[in-house]
Amino acid sequence: MLKKTLLIVALVLIALMGYSLFATSSFGAIIMVVIFAFIAFVIYNEFVTREASQEEQERYWEIVQSMTDVGISRKTAINNLNELVRKGYSLPKILEEVDKSIAATQQKSKREFFRRSPR
């Protein structure tokens, strides 16, 4: 949230600076728009498409391991985790979703066990 706020503040300040420098002519306004778009693109790439830190990567592998421990395939666990990250979920929300997935898998395993057990 803080990063998004800083991004918005930076873009507004850049826009105001560009407006004060180039708004006296139509050509200056076009240059201002191009510069503003380029800076917005650079800032977007910096904040949105950054790589996960070493600590985050280790945490994500722990999550994948916990999912594989209950019988979810490694490929499915990684795909599910990637989907949650792509949706922009925070780490606590990801942990909540993973817990739901693990609980559903364990419940399914219990049902299959009791269905197969002799009576």
PDB file of N, CA and C in Angstrom:
ATOM      1  N   MET A   1       0.826  -1.188   0.000  1.00  0.00           N
ATOM      2  CA  MET A   1       0.000   0.000   0.000  1.00  0.00           C
ATOM      3  C   MET A   1       0.871   1.252   0.000  1.00  0.00           C
ATOM      4  N   LEU A   2       1.933   1.222   0.797  1.00  0.00           N
ATOM      5  CA  LEU A   2       2.825   2.369   0.864  1.00  0.00           C
ATOM      6  C   LEU A   2       3.509   2.599  -0.481  1.00  0.00           C
ATOM      7  N   LYS A   3       3.897   1.515  -1.143  1.00  0.00           N
ATOM      8  CA  LYS A   3       4.562   1.656  -2.435  1.00  0.00           C
ATOM      9  C   LYS A   3       3.625   2.278  -3.467  1.00  0.00           C
ATOM     10  N   LYS A   4       2.360   1.875  -3.452  1.00  0.00           N
ATOM     11  CA  LYS A   4       1.402   2.445  -4.397  1.00  0.00           C
ATOM     12  C   LYS A   4       1.193   3.928  -4.115  1.00  0.00           C
ATOM     13  N   THR A   5       1.142   4.294  -2.850  1.00  0.00           N
ATOM     14  CA  THR A   5       0.976   5.698  -2.482  1.00  0.00           C
ATOM     15  C   THR A   5       2.179   6.512  -2.941  1.00  0.00           C
ATOM     16  N   LEU A   6       3.375   5.983  -2.707  1.00  0.00           N
ATOM     17  CA  LEU A   6       4.587   6.676  -3.161  1.00  0.00           C
ATOM     18  C   LEU A   6       4.614   6.797  -4.677  1.00  0.00           C
ATOM     19  N   LEU A   7       4.170   5.767  -5.362  1.00  0.00           N
ATOM     20  CA  LEU A   7       4.118   5.793  -6.825  1.00  0.00           C
ATOM     21  C   LEU A   7       3.185   6.900  -7.298  1.00  0.00           C
ATOM     22  N   ILE A   8       2.018   7.004  -6.699  1.00  0.00           N
ATOM     23  CA  ILE A   8       1.053   8.030  -7.099  1.00  0.00           C
ATOM     24  C   ILE A   8       1.602   9.427  -6.817  1.00  0.00           C
ATOM     25  N   VAL A   9       2.207   9.615  -5.648  1.00  0.00           N
ATOM     26  CA  VAL A   9       2.783  10.921  -5.302  1.00  0.00           C
ATOM     27  C   VAL A   9       3.890  11.292  -6.282  1.00  0.00           C
ATOM     28  N   ALA A  10       4.758  10.336  -6.608  1.00  0.00           N
ATOM     29  CA  ALA A  10       5.851  10.606  -7.549  1.00  0.00           C
ATOM     30  C   ALA A  10       5.306  10.981  -8.923  1.00  0.00           C
ATOM     31  N   LEU A  11       4.299  10.269  -9.387  1.00  0.00           N
ATOM     32  CA  LEU A  11       3.735  10.570 -10.701  1.00  0.00           C
ATOM     33  C   LEU A  11       3.067  11.943 -10.723  1.00  0.00           C
ATOM     34  N   VAL A  12       2.377  12.306  -9.657  1.00  0.00           N
ATOM     35  CA  VAL A  12       1.740  13.626  -9.595  1.00  0.00           C
ATOM     36  C   VAL A  12       2.794  14.729  -9.583  1.00  0.00           C
ATOM     37  N   LEU A  13       3.854  14.546  -8.807  1.00  0.00           N
ATOM     38  CA  LEU A  13       4.920  15.554  -8.770  1.00  0.00           C
ATOM     39  C   LEU A  13       5.603  15.696 -10.123  1.00  0.00           C
ATOM     40  N   ILE A  14       5.839  14.591 -10.783  1.00  0.00           N
ATOM     41  CA  ILE A  14       6.455  14.637 -12.113  1.00  0.00           C
ATOM     42  C   ILE A  14       5.532  15.346 -13.094  1.00  0.00           C
ATOM     43  N   ALA A  15       4.243  15.057 -13.006  1.00  0.00           N
ATOM     44  CA  ALA A  15       3.286  15.708 -13.902  1.00  0.00           C
ATOM     45  C   ALA A  15       3.248  17.215 -13.666  1.00  0.00           C
ATOM     46  N   LEU A  16       3.247  17.633 -12.401  1.00  0.00           N
ATOM     47  CA  LEU A  16       3.235  19.066 -12.097  1.00  0.00           C
ATOM     48  C   LEU A  16       4.508  19.751 -12.578  1.00  0.00           C
ATOM     49  N   MET A  17       5.642  19.096 -12.385  1.00  0.00           N
ATOM     50  CA  MET A  17       6.905  19.658 -12.843  1.00  0.00           C
ATOM     51  C   MET A  17       6.910  19.774 -14.366  1.00  0.00           C
ATOM     52  N   GLY A  18       6.472  18.727 -15.031  1.00  0.00           N
ATOM     53  CA  GLY A  18       6.416  18.753 -16.489  1.00  0.00           C
ATOM     54  C   GLY A  18       5.462  19.811 -16.995  1.00  0.00           C
ATOM     55  N   TYR A  19       4.339  19.965 -16.328  1.00  0.00           N
ATOM     56  CA  TYR A  19       3.361  20.973 -16.735  1.00  0.00           C
ATOM     57  C   TYR A  19       3.946  22.374 -16.610  1.00  0.00           C
ATOM     58  N   SER A  20       4.636  22.629 -15.514  1.00  0.00           N
ATOM     59  CA  SER A  20       5.195  23.966 -15.311  1.00  0.00           C
ATOM     60  C   SER A  20       6.314  24.266 -16.305  1.00  0.00           C
ATOM     61  N   LEU A  21       7.022  23.239 -16.754  1.00  0.00           N
ATOM     62  CA  LEU A  21       8.129  23.457 -17.689  1.00  0.00           C
ATOM     63  C   LEU A  21       7.671  23.566 -19.140  1.00  0.00           C
ATOM     64  N   PHE A  22       6.699  22.744 -19.549  1.00  0.00           N
ATOM     65  CA  PHE A  22       6.414  22.610 -20.976  1.00  0.00           C
ATOM     66  C   PHE A  22       5.013  23.034 -21.406  1.00  0.00           C
ATOM     67  N   ALA A  23       4.166  23.439 -20.501  1.00  0.00           N
ATOM     68  CA  ALA A  23       2.775  23.697 -20.869  1.00  0.00           C
ATOM     69  C   ALA A  23       2.571  25.013 -21.612  1.00  0.00           C
ATOM     70  N   THR A  24       3.628  25.746 -21.846  1.00  0.00           N
ATOM     71  CA  THR A  24       3.474  27.022 -22.540  1.00  0.00           C
ATOM     72  C   THR A  24       3.242  26.847 -24.030  1.00  0.00           C
ATOM     73  N   SER A  25       3.534  25.664 -24.575  1.00  0.00           N
ATOM     74  CA  SER A  25       3.285  25.431 -26.000  1.00  0.00           C
ATOM     75  C   SER A  25       2.685  24.045 -26.195  1.00  0.00           C
ATOM     76  N   SER A  26       2.045  23.843 -27.341  1.00  0.00           N
ATOM     77  CA  SER A  26       1.440  22.532 -27.605  1.00  0.00           C
ATOM     78  C   SER A  26       2.528  21.479 -27.813  1.00  0.00           C
ATOM     79  N   PHE A  27       3.638  21.855 -28.441  1.00  0.00           N
ATOM     80  CA  PHE A  27       4.740  20.911 -28.618  1.00  0.00           C
ATOM     81  C   PHE A  27       5.315  20.516 -27.259  1.00  0.00           C
ATOM     82  N   GLY A  28       5.416  21.476 -26.363  1.00  0.00           N
ATOM     83  CA  GLY A  28       5.888  21.190 -25.013  1.00  0.00           C
ATOM     84  C   GLY A  28       4.959  20.251 -24.277  1.00  0.00           C
ATOM     85  N   ALA A  29       3.660  20.393 -24.510  1.00  0.00           N
ATOM     86  CA  ALA A  29       2.696  19.499 -23.868  1.00  0.00           C
ATOM     87  C   ALA A  29       2.860  18.072 -24.379  1.00  0.00           C
ATOM     88  N   ILE A  30       3.131  17.911 -25.664  1.00  0.00           N
ATOM     89  CA  ILE A  30       3.356  16.573 -26.233  1.00  0.00           C
ATOM     90  C   ILE A  30       4.610  15.954 -25.628  1.00  0.00           C
ATOM     91  N   ILE A  31       5.673  16.745 -25.531  1.00  0.00           N
ATOM     92  CA  ILE A  31       6.908  16.254 -24.919  1.00  0.00           C
ATOM     93  C   ILE A  31       6.650  15.851 -23.469  1.00  0.00           C
ATOM     94  N   MET A  32       5.860  16.669 -22.750  1.00  0.00           N
ATOM     95  CA  MET A  32       5.541  16.368 -21.358  1.00  0.00           C
ATOM     96  C   MET A  32       4.820  15.026 -21.249  1.00  0.00           C
ATOM     97  N   VAL A  33       3.880  14.765 -22.132  1.00  0.00           N
ATOM     98  CA  VAL A  33       3.135  13.506 -22.094  1.00  0.00           C
ATOM     99  C   VAL A  33       4.063  12.327 -22.358  1.00  0.00           C
ATOM    100  N   VAL A  34       4.974  12.453 -23.317  1.00  0.00           N
ATOM    101  CA  VAL A  34       5.910  11.368 -23.633  1.00  0.00           C
ATOM    102  C   VAL A  34       6.835  11.101 -22.448  1.00  0.00           C
ATOM    103  N   ILE A  35       7.380  12.152 -21.870  1.00  0.00           N
ATOM    104  CA  ILE A  35       8.270  11.991 -20.716  1.00  0.00           C
ATOM    105  C   ILE A  35       7.504  11.380 -19.543  1.00  0.00           C
ATOM    106  N   PHE A  36       6.302  11.862 -19.294  1.00  0.00           N
ATOM    107  CA  PHE A  36       5.476  11.342 -18.204  1.00  0.00           C
ATOM    108  C   PHE A  36       5.174   9.859 -18.411  1.00  0.00           C
ATOM    109  N   ALA A  37       4.841   9.475 -19.633  1.00  0.00           N
ATOM    110  CA  ALA A  37       4.547   8.066 -19.917  1.00  0.00           C
ATOM    111  C   ALA A  37       5.786   7.200 -19.703  1.00  0.00           C
ATOM    112  N   PHE A  38       6.943   7.676 -20.133  1.00  0.00           N
ATOM    113  CA  PHE A  38       8.176   6.905 -19.959  1.00  0.00           C
ATOM    114  C   PHE A  38       8.501   6.726 -18.475  1.00  0.00           C
ATOM    115  N   ILE A  39       8.417   7.798 -17.711  1.00  0.00           N
ATOM    116  CA  ILE A  39       8.725   7.707 -16.282  1.00  0.00           C
ATOM    117  C   ILE A  39       7.712   6.820 -15.568  1.00  0.00           C
ATOM    118  N   ALA A  40       6.446   6.919 -15.944  1.00  0.00           N
ATOM    119  CA  ALA A  40       5.427   6.055 -15.342  1.00  0.00           C
ATOM    120  C   ALA A  40       5.717   4.593 -15.648  1.00  0.00           C
ATOM    121  N   PHE A  41       6.153   4.301 -16.876  1.00  0.00           N
ATOM    122  CA  PHE A  41       6.495   2.931 -17.257  1.00  0.00           C
ATOM    123  C   PHE A  41       7.668   2.412 -16.427  1.00  0.00           C
ATOM    124  N   VAL A  42       8.692   3.226 -16.251  1.00  0.00           N
ATOM    125  CA  VAL A  42       9.863   2.821 -15.468  1.00  0.00           C
ATOM    126  C   VAL A  42       9.477   2.575 -14.012  1.00  0.00           C
ATOM    127  N   ILE A  43       8.702   3.472 -13.442  1.00  0.00           N
ATOM    128  CA  ILE A  43       8.285   3.303 -12.047  1.00  0.00           C
ATOM    129  C   ILE A  43       7.390   2.077 -11.900  1.00  0.00           C
ATOM    130  N   TYR A  44       6.494   1.856 -12.849  1.00  0.00           N
ATOM    131  CA  TYR A  44       5.623   0.673 -12.812  1.00  0.00           C
ATOM    132  C   TYR A  44       6.462  -0.598 -12.824  1.00  0.00           C
ATOM    133  N   ASN A  45       7.445  -0.668 -13.702  1.00  0.00           N
ATOM    134  CA  ASN A  45       8.303  -1.855 -13.765  1.00  0.00           C
ATOM    135  C   ASN A  45       9.092  -2.046 -12.478  1.00  0.00           C
ATOM    136  N   GLU A  46       9.499  -0.965 -11.870  1.00  0.00           N
ATOM    137  CA  GLU A  46      10.274  -1.056 -10.632  1.00  0.00           C
ATOM    138  C   GLU A  46       9.438  -1.616  -9.493  1.00  0.00           C
ATOM    139  N   PHE A  47       8.215  -1.161  -9.364  1.00  0.00           N
ATOM    140  CA  PHE A  47       7.390  -1.552  -8.225  1.00  0.00           C
ATOM    141  C   PHE A  47       6.571  -2.809  -8.467  1.00  0.00           C
ATOM    142  N   VAL A  48       6.047  -2.990  -9.652  1.00  0.00           N
ATOM    143  CA  VAL A  48       5.082  -4.063  -9.883  1.00  0.00           C
ATOM    144  C   VAL A  48       5.751  -5.366 -10.301  1.00  0.00           C
ATOM    145  N   THR A  49       6.762  -5.302 -11.132  1.00  0.00           N
ATOM    146  CA  THR A  49       7.352  -6.527 -11.671  1.00  0.00           C
ATOM    147  C   THR A  49       8.681  -6.873 -11.020  1.00  0.00           C
ATOM    148  N   ARG A  50       8.828  -6.522  -9.768  1.00  0.00           N
ATOM    149  CA  ARG A  50      10.091  -6.810  -9.088  1.00  0.00           C
ATOM    150  C   ARG A  50      10.200  -8.299  -8.759  1.00  0.00           C
ATOM    151  N   GLU A  51      11.401  -8.731  -8.533  1.00  0.00           N
ATOM    152  CA  GLU A  51      11.648 -10.122  -8.143  1.00  0.00           C
ATOM    153  C   GLU A  51      11.391 -10.280  -6.648  1.00  0.00           C
ATOM    154  N   ALA A  52      10.986 -11.454  -6.267  1.00  0.00           N
ATOM    155  CA  ALA A  52      10.772 -11.733  -4.846  1.00  0.00           C
ATOM    156  C   ALA A  52      12.124 -11.791  -4.139  1.00  0.00           C
ATOM    157  N   SER A  53      12.157 -11.328  -2.903  1.00  0.00           N
ATOM    158  CA  SER A  53      13.395 -11.371  -2.137  1.00  0.00           C
ATOM    159  C   SER A  53      13.720 -12.819  -1.763  1.00  0.00           C
ATOM    160  N   GLN A  54      14.931 -13.022  -1.288  1.00  0.00           N
ATOM    161  CA  GLN A  54      15.364 -14.369  -0.894  1.00  0.00           C
ATOM    162  C   GLN A  54      14.456 -14.923   0.201  1.00  0.00           C
ATOM    163  N   GLU A  55      14.099 -14.074   1.153  1.00  0.00           N
ATOM    164  CA  GLU A  55      13.225 -14.501   2.252  1.00  0.00           C
ATOM    165  C   GLU A  55      11.837 -14.899   1.734  1.00  0.00           C
ATOM    166  N   GLU A  56      11.295 -14.104   0.789  1.00  0.00           N
ATOM    167  CA  GLU A  56       9.994 -14.444   0.210  1.00  0.00           C
ATOM    168  C   GLU A  56      10.063 -15.757  -0.553  1.00  0.00           C
ATOM    169  N   GLN A  57      11.140 -15.948  -1.321  1.00  0.00           N
ATOM    170  CA  GLN A  57      11.285 -17.187  -2.084  1.00  0.00           C
ATOM    171  C   GLN A  57      11.340 -18.394  -1.155  1.00  0.00           C
ATOM    172  N   GLU A  58      12.087 -18.265  -0.061  1.00  0.00           N
ATOM    173  CA  GLU A  58      12.151 -19.372   0.906  1.00  0.00           C
ATOM    174  C   GLU A  58      10.780 -19.653   1.507  1.00  0.00           C
ATOM    175  N   ARG A  59      10.045 -18.611   1.805  1.00  0.00           N
ATOM    176  CA  ARG A  59       8.701 -18.779   2.384  1.00  0.00           C
ATOM    177  C   ARG A  59       7.769 -19.467   1.388  1.00  0.00           C
ATOM    178  N   TYR A  60       7.860 -19.064   0.121  1.00  0.00           N
ATOM    179  CA  TYR A  60       7.018 -19.690  -0.901  1.00  0.00           C
ATOM    180  C   TYR A  60       7.361 -21.171  -1.060  1.00  0.00           C
ATOM    181  N   TRP A  61       8.647 -21.519  -0.979  1.00  0.00           N
ATOM    182  CA  TRP A  61       9.016 -22.937  -1.082  1.00  0.00           C
ATOM    183  C   TRP A  61       8.519 -23.720   0.125  1.00  0.00           C
ATOM    184  N   GLU A  62       8.497 -23.071   1.298  1.00  0.00           N
ATOM    185  CA  GLU A  62       7.918 -23.731   2.479  1.00  0.00           C
ATOM    186  C   GLU A  62       6.428 -24.002   2.264  1.00  0.00           C
ATOM    187  N   ILE A  63       5.744 -23.047   1.646  1.00  0.00           N
ATOM    188  CA  ILE A  63       4.320 -23.229   1.359  1.00  0.00           C
ATOM    189  C   ILE A  63       4.121 -24.388   0.390  1.00  0.00           C
ATOM    190  N   VAL A  64       4.939 -24.434  -0.668  1.00  0.00           N
ATOM    191  CA  VAL A  64       4.842 -25.533  -1.637  1.00  0.00           C
ATOM    192  C   VAL A  64       5.107 -26.863  -0.942  1.00  0.00           C
ATOM    193  N   GLN A  65       6.109 -26.892  -0.064  1.00  0.00           N
ATOM    194  CA  GLN A  65       6.437 -28.127   0.654  1.00  0.00           C
ATOM    195  C   GLN A  65       5.276 -28.566   1.537  1.00  0.00           C
ATOM    196  N   SER A  66       4.638 -27.619   2.218  1.00  0.00           N
ATOM    197  CA  SER A  66       3.499 -27.986   3.074  1.00  0.00           C
ATOM    198  C   SER A  66       2.346 -28.525   2.246  1.00  0.00           C
ATOM    199  N   MET A  67       2.180 -28.009   1.033  1.00  0.00           N
ATOM    200  CA  MET A  67       1.115 -28.519   0.165  1.00  0.00           C
ATOM    201  C   MET A  67       1.446 -29.916  -0.347  1.00  0.00           C
ATOM    202  N   THR A  68       2.715 -30.162  -0.665  1.00  0.00           N
ATOM    203  CA  THR A  68       3.085 -31.496  -1.155  1.00  0.00           C
ATOM    204  C   THR A  68       3.052 -32.524  -0.031  1.00  0.00           C
ATOM    205  N   ASP A  69       3.238 -32.080   1.211  1.00  0.00           N
ATOM    206  CA  ASP A  69       3.187 -33.002   2.351  1.00  0.00           C
ATOM    207  C   ASP A  69       1.807 -33.623   2.541  1.00  0.00           C
ATOM    208  N   VAL A  70       0.757 -32.924   2.119  1.00  0.00           N
ATOM    209  CA  VAL A  70      -0.598 -33.454   2.297  1.00  0.00           C
ATOM    210  C   VAL A  70      -1.123 -34.151   1.047  1.00  0.00           C
ATOM    211  N   GLY A  71      -0.277 -34.282   0.035  1.00  0.00           N
ATOM    212  CA  GLY A  71      -0.679 -35.051  -1.135  1.00  0.00           C
ATOM    213  C   GLY A  71      -0.971 -34.250  -2.385  1.00  0.00           C
ATOM    214  N   ILE A  72      -0.802 -32.945  -2.341  1.00  0.00           N
ATOM    215  CA  ILE A  72      -0.982 -32.131  -3.543  1.00  0.00           C
ATOM    216  C   ILE A  72       0.301 -32.238  -4.353  1.00  0.00           C
ATOM    217  N   SER A  73       0.173 -32.462  -5.657  1.00  0.00           N
ATOM    218  CA  SER A  73       1.382 -32.619  -6.470  1.00  0.00           C
ATOM    219  C   SER A  73       2.181 -31.314  -6.474  1.00  0.00           C
ATOM    220  N   ARG A  74       3.484 -31.446  -6.651  1.00  0.00           N
ATOM    221  CA  ARG A  74       4.376 -30.283  -6.634  1.00  0.00           C
ATOM    222  C   ARG A  74       4.000 -29.297  -7.739  1.00  0.00           C
ATOM    223  N   LYS A  75       3.698 -29.824  -8.918  1.00  0.00           N
ATOM    224  CA  LYS A  75       3.342 -28.965 -10.049  1.00  0.00           C
ATOM    225  C   LYS A  75       2.062 -28.182  -9.746  1.00  0.00           C
ATOM    226  N   THR A  76       1.063 -28.864  -9.194  1.00  0.00           N
ATOM    227  CA  THR A  76      -0.192 -28.198  -8.846  1.00  0.00           C
ATOM    228  C   THR A  76       0.036 -27.153  -7.764  1.00  0.00           C
ATOM    229  N   ALA A  77       0.854 -27.479  -6.772  1.00  0.00           N
ATOM    230  CA  ALA A  77       1.144 -26.535  -5.690  1.00  0.00           C
ATOM    231  C   ALA A  77       1.813 -25.273  -6.233  1.00  0.00           C
ATOM    232  N   ILE A  78       2.792 -25.448  -7.111  1.00  0.00           N
ATOM    233  CA  ILE A  78       3.498 -24.296  -7.687  1.00  0.00           C
ATOM    234  C   ILE A  78       2.552 -23.472  -8.550  1.00  0.00           C
ATOM    235  N   ASN A  79       1.730 -24.149  -9.362  1.00  0.00           N
ATOM    236  CA  ASN A  79       0.777 -23.426 -10.211  1.00  0.00           C
ATOM    237  C   ASN A  79      -0.229 -22.638  -9.374  1.00  0.00           C
ATOM    238  N   ASN A  80      -0.735 -23.263  -8.304  1.00  0.00           N
ATOM    239  CA  ASN A  80      -1.688 -22.567  -7.436  1.00  0.00           C
ATOM    240  C   ASN A  80      -1.047 -21.353  -6.769  1.00  0.00           C
ATOM    241  N   LEU A  81       0.176 -21.523  -6.299  1.00  0.00           N
ATOM    242  CA  LEU A  81       0.881 -20.420  -5.648  1.00  0.00           C
ATOM    243  C   LEU A  81       1.162 -19.289  -6.637  1.00  0.00           C
ATOM    244  N   ASN A  82       1.601 -19.640  -7.840  1.00  0.00           N
ATOM    245  CA  ASN A  82       1.856 -18.625  -8.867  1.00  0.00           C
ATOM    246  C   ASN A  82       0.585 -17.859  -9.211  1.00  0.00           C
ATOM    247  N   GLU A  83      -0.537 -18.560  -9.269  1.00  0.00           N
ATOM    248  CA  GLU A  83      -1.810 -17.905  -9.574  1.00  0.00           C
ATOM    249  C   GLU A  83      -2.186 -16.900  -8.482  1.00  0.00           C
ATOM    250  N   LEU A  84      -1.979 -17.278  -7.229  1.00  0.00           N
ATOM    251  CA  LEU A  84      -2.284 -16.361  -6.125  1.00  0.00           C
ATOM    252  C   LEU A  84      -1.372 -15.134  -6.152  1.00  0.00           C
ATOM    253  N   VAL A  85      -0.093 -15.348  -6.460  1.00  0.00           N
ATOM    254  CA  VAL A  85       0.853 -14.229  -6.544  1.00  0.00           C
ATOM    255  C   VAL A  85       0.476 -13.324  -7.713  1.00  0.00           C
ATOM    256  N   ARG A  86       0.105 -13.930  -8.840  1.00  0.00           N
ATOM    257  CA  ARG A  86      -0.271 -13.162 -10.026  1.00  0.00           C
ATOM    258  C   ARG A  86      -1.520 -12.311  -9.753  1.00  0.00           C
ATOM    259  N   LYS A  87      -2.426 -12.817  -8.924  1.00  0.00           N
ATOM    260  CA  LYS A  87      -3.631 -12.058  -8.569  1.00  0.00           C
ATOM    261  C   LYS A  87      -3.320 -10.911  -7.607  1.00  0.00           C
ATOM    262  N   GLY A  88      -2.109 -10.881  -7.083  1.00  0.00           N
ATOM    263  CA  GLY A  88      -1.703  -9.788  -6.206  1.00  0.00           C
ATOM    264  C   GLY A  88      -2.023 -10.006  -4.740  1.00  0.00           C
ATOM    265  N   TYR A  89      -2.239 -11.251  -4.347  1.00  0.00           N
ATOM    266  CA  TYR A  89      -2.546 -11.544  -2.949  1.00  0.00           C
ATOM    267  C   TYR A  89      -1.321 -11.282  -2.081  1.00  0.00           C
ATOM    268  N   SER A  90      -1.549 -10.777  -0.880  1.00  0.00           N
ATOM    269  CA  SER A  90      -0.463 -10.592   0.078  1.00  0.00           C
ATOM    270  C   SER A  90      -0.129 -11.940   0.709  1.00  0.00           C
ATOM    271  N   LEU A  91       1.005 -12.016   1.380  1.00  0.00           N
ATOM    272  CA  LEU A  91       1.444 -13.282   1.974  1.00  0.00           C
ATOM    273  C   LEU A  91       0.437 -13.835   2.984  1.00  0.00           C
ATOM    274  N   PRO A  92      -0.145 -13.013   3.878  1.00  0.00           N
ATOM    275  CA  PRO A  92      -1.157 -13.580   4.788  1.00  0.00           C
ATOM    276  C   PRO A  92      -2.372 -14.150   4.048  1.00  0.00           C
ATOM    277  N   LYS A  93      -2.795 -13.481   2.979  1.00  0.00           N
ATOM    278  CA  LYS A  93      -3.936 -13.968   2.195  1.00  0.00           C
ATOM    279  C   LYS A  93      -3.563 -15.262   1.475  1.00  0.00           C
ATOM    280  N   ILE A  94      -2.326 -15.348   0.979  1.00  0.00           N
ATOM    281  CA  ILE A  94      -1.866 -16.581   0.331  1.00  0.00           C
ATOM    282  C   ILE A  94      -1.879 -17.722   1.339  1.00  0.00           C
ATOM    283  N   LEU A  95      -1.386 -17.462   2.551  1.00  0.00           N
ATOM    284  CA  LEU A  95      -1.375 -18.507   3.585  1.00  0.00           C
ATOM    285  C   LEU A  95      -2.794 -18.970   3.911  1.00  0.00           C
ATOM    286  N   GLU A  96      -3.736 -18.037   3.940  1.00  0.00           N
ATOM    287  CA  GLU A  96      -5.135 -18.388   4.203  1.00  0.00           C
ATOM    288  C   GLU A  96      -5.686 -19.285   3.091  1.00  0.00           C
ATOM    289  N   GLU A  97      -5.409 -18.936   1.842  1.00  0.00           N
ATOM    290  CA  GLU A  97      -5.882 -19.735   0.709  1.00  0.00           C
ATOM    291  C   GLU A  97      -5.229 -21.115   0.707  1.00  0.00           C
ATOM    292  N   VAL A  98      -3.941 -21.166   1.031  1.00  0.00           N
ATOM    293  CA  VAL A  98      -3.233 -22.450   1.077  1.00  0.00           C
ATOM    294  C   VAL A  98      -3.812 -23.328   2.183  1.00  0.00           C
ATOM    295  N   ASP A  99      -4.100 -22.735   3.329  1.00  0.00           N
ATOM    296  CA  ASP A  99      -4.710 -23.502   4.425  1.00  0.00           C
ATOM    297  C   ASP A  99      -6.051 -24.090   4.003  1.00  0.00           C
ATOM    298  N   LYS A 100      -6.842 -23.313   3.258  1.00  0.00           N
ATOM    299  CA  LYS A 100      -8.123 -23.825   2.754  1.00  0.00           C
ATOM    300  C   LYS A 100      -7.892 -25.001   1.813  1.00  0.00           C
ATOM    301  N   SER A 101      -6.907 -24.865   0.930  1.00  0.00           N
ATOM    302  CA  SER A 101      -6.603 -25.926  -0.030  1.00  0.00           C
ATOM    303  C   SER A 101      -6.136 -27.191   0.680  1.00  0.00           C
ATOM    304  N   ILE A 102      -5.271 -27.017   1.678  1.00  0.00           N
ATOM    305  CA  ILE A 102      -4.768 -28.170   2.436  1.00  0.00           C
ATOM    306  C   ILE A 102      -5.912 -28.841   3.195  1.00  0.00           C
ATOM    307  N   ALA A 103      -6.776 -28.046   3.811  1.00  0.00           N
ATOM    308  CA  ALA A 103      -7.910 -28.610   4.561  1.00  0.00           C
ATOM    309  C   ALA A 103      -8.841 -29.383   3.631  1.00  0.00           C
ATOM    310  N   ALA A 104      -9.092 -28.846   2.442  1.00  0.00           N
ATOM    311  CA  ALA A 104      -9.960 -29.540   1.487  1.00  0.00           C
ATOM    312  C   ALA A 104      -9.326 -30.844   1.036  1.00  0.00           C
ATOM    313  N   THR A 105      -8.016 -30.833   0.806  1.00  0.00           N
ATOM    314  CA  THR A 105      -7.314 -32.051   0.387  1.00  0.00           C
ATOM    315  C   THR A 105      -7.339 -33.089   1.496  1.00  0.00           C
ATOM    316  N   GLN A 106      -7.126 -32.667   2.742  1.00  0.00           N
ATOM    317  CA  GLN A 106      -7.151 -33.614   3.861  1.00  0.00           C
ATOM    318  C   GLN A 106      -8.549 -34.198   4.051  1.00  0.00           C
ATOM    319  N   GLN A 107      -9.580 -33.391   3.884  1.00  0.00           N
ATOM    320  CA  GLN A 107     -10.954 -33.877   4.012  1.00  0.00           C
ATOM    321  C   GLN A 107     -11.250 -34.900   2.921  1.00  0.00           C
ATOM    322  N   LYS A 108     -10.781 -34.627   1.714  1.00  0.00           N
ATOM    323  CA  LYS A 108     -10.975 -35.553   0.595  1.00  0.00           C
ATOM    324  C   LYS A 108     -10.248 -36.864   0.879  1.00  0.00           C
ATOM    325  N   SER A 109      -9.035 -36.784   1.422  1.00  0.00           N
ATOM    326  CA  SER A 109      -8.267 -37.990   1.743  1.00  0.00           C
ATOM    327  C   SER A 109      -8.977 -38.823   2.799  1.00  0.00           C
ATOM    328  N   LYS A 110      -9.559 -38.170   3.805  1.00  0.00           N
ATOM    329  CA  LYS A 110     -10.285 -38.893   4.849  1.00  0.00           C
ATOM    330  C   LYS A 110     -11.491 -39.621   4.261  1.00  0.00           C
ATOM    331  N   ARG A 111     -12.220 -38.948   3.373  1.00  0.00           N
ATOM    332  CA  ARG A 111     -13.389 -39.573   2.759  1.00  0.00           C
ATOM    333  C   ARG A 111     -12.987 -40.797   1.948  1.00  0.00           C
ATOM    334  N   GLU A 112     -11.896 -40.662   1.180  1.00  0.00           N
ATOM    335  CA  GLU A 112     -11.439 -41.799   0.372  1.00  0.00           C
ATOM    336  C   GLU A 112     -10.967 -42.941   1.260  1.00  0.00           C
ATOM    337  N   PHE A 113     -10.318 -42.629   2.377  1.00  0.00           N
ATOM    338  CA  PHE A 113      -9.840 -43.665   3.288  1.00  0.00           C
ATOM    339  C   PHE A 113     -11.019 -44.445   3.859  1.00  0.00           C
ATOM    340  N   PHE A 114     -12.034 -43.735   4.326  1.00  0.00           N
ATOM    341  CA  PHE A 114     -13.182 -44.425   4.924  1.00  0.00           C
ATOM    342  C   PHE A 114     -14.010 -45.155   3.872  1.00  0.00           C
ATOM    343  N   ARG A 115     -14.019 -44.661   2.663  1.00  0.00           N
ATOM    344  CA  ARG A 115     -14.748 -45.324   1.595  1.00  0.00           C
ATOM    345  C   ARG A 115     -14.072 -46.652   1.235  1.00  0.00           C
ATOM    346  N   ARG A 116     -12.755 -46.684   1.269  1.00  0.00           N
ATOM    347  CA  ARG A 116     -12.003 -47.879   0.873  1.00  0.00           C
ATOM    348  C   ARG A 116     -11.811 -48.870   2.012  1.00  0.00           C
ATOM    349  N   SER A 117     -11.943 -48.425   3.245  1.00  0.00           N
ATOM    350  CA  SER A 117     -11.680 -49.320   4.375  1.00  0.00           C
ATOM    351  C   SER A 117     -12.780 -50.377   4.481  1.00  0.00           C
ATOM    352  N   PRO A 118     -12.393 -51.604   4.839  1.00  0.00           N
ATOM    353  CA  PRO A 118     -13.394 -52.677   4.966  1.00  0.00           C
ATOM    354  C   PRO A 118     -14.300 -52.431   6.164  1.00  0.00           C
ATOM    355  N   ARG A 119     -15.522 -52.857   6.039  1.00  0.00           N
ATOM    356  CA  ARG A 119     -16.493 -52.644   7.133  1.00  0.00           C
ATOM    357  C   ARG A 119     -16.792 -53.918   7.829  1.00  0.00           C
TER     358      ARG A 119
END
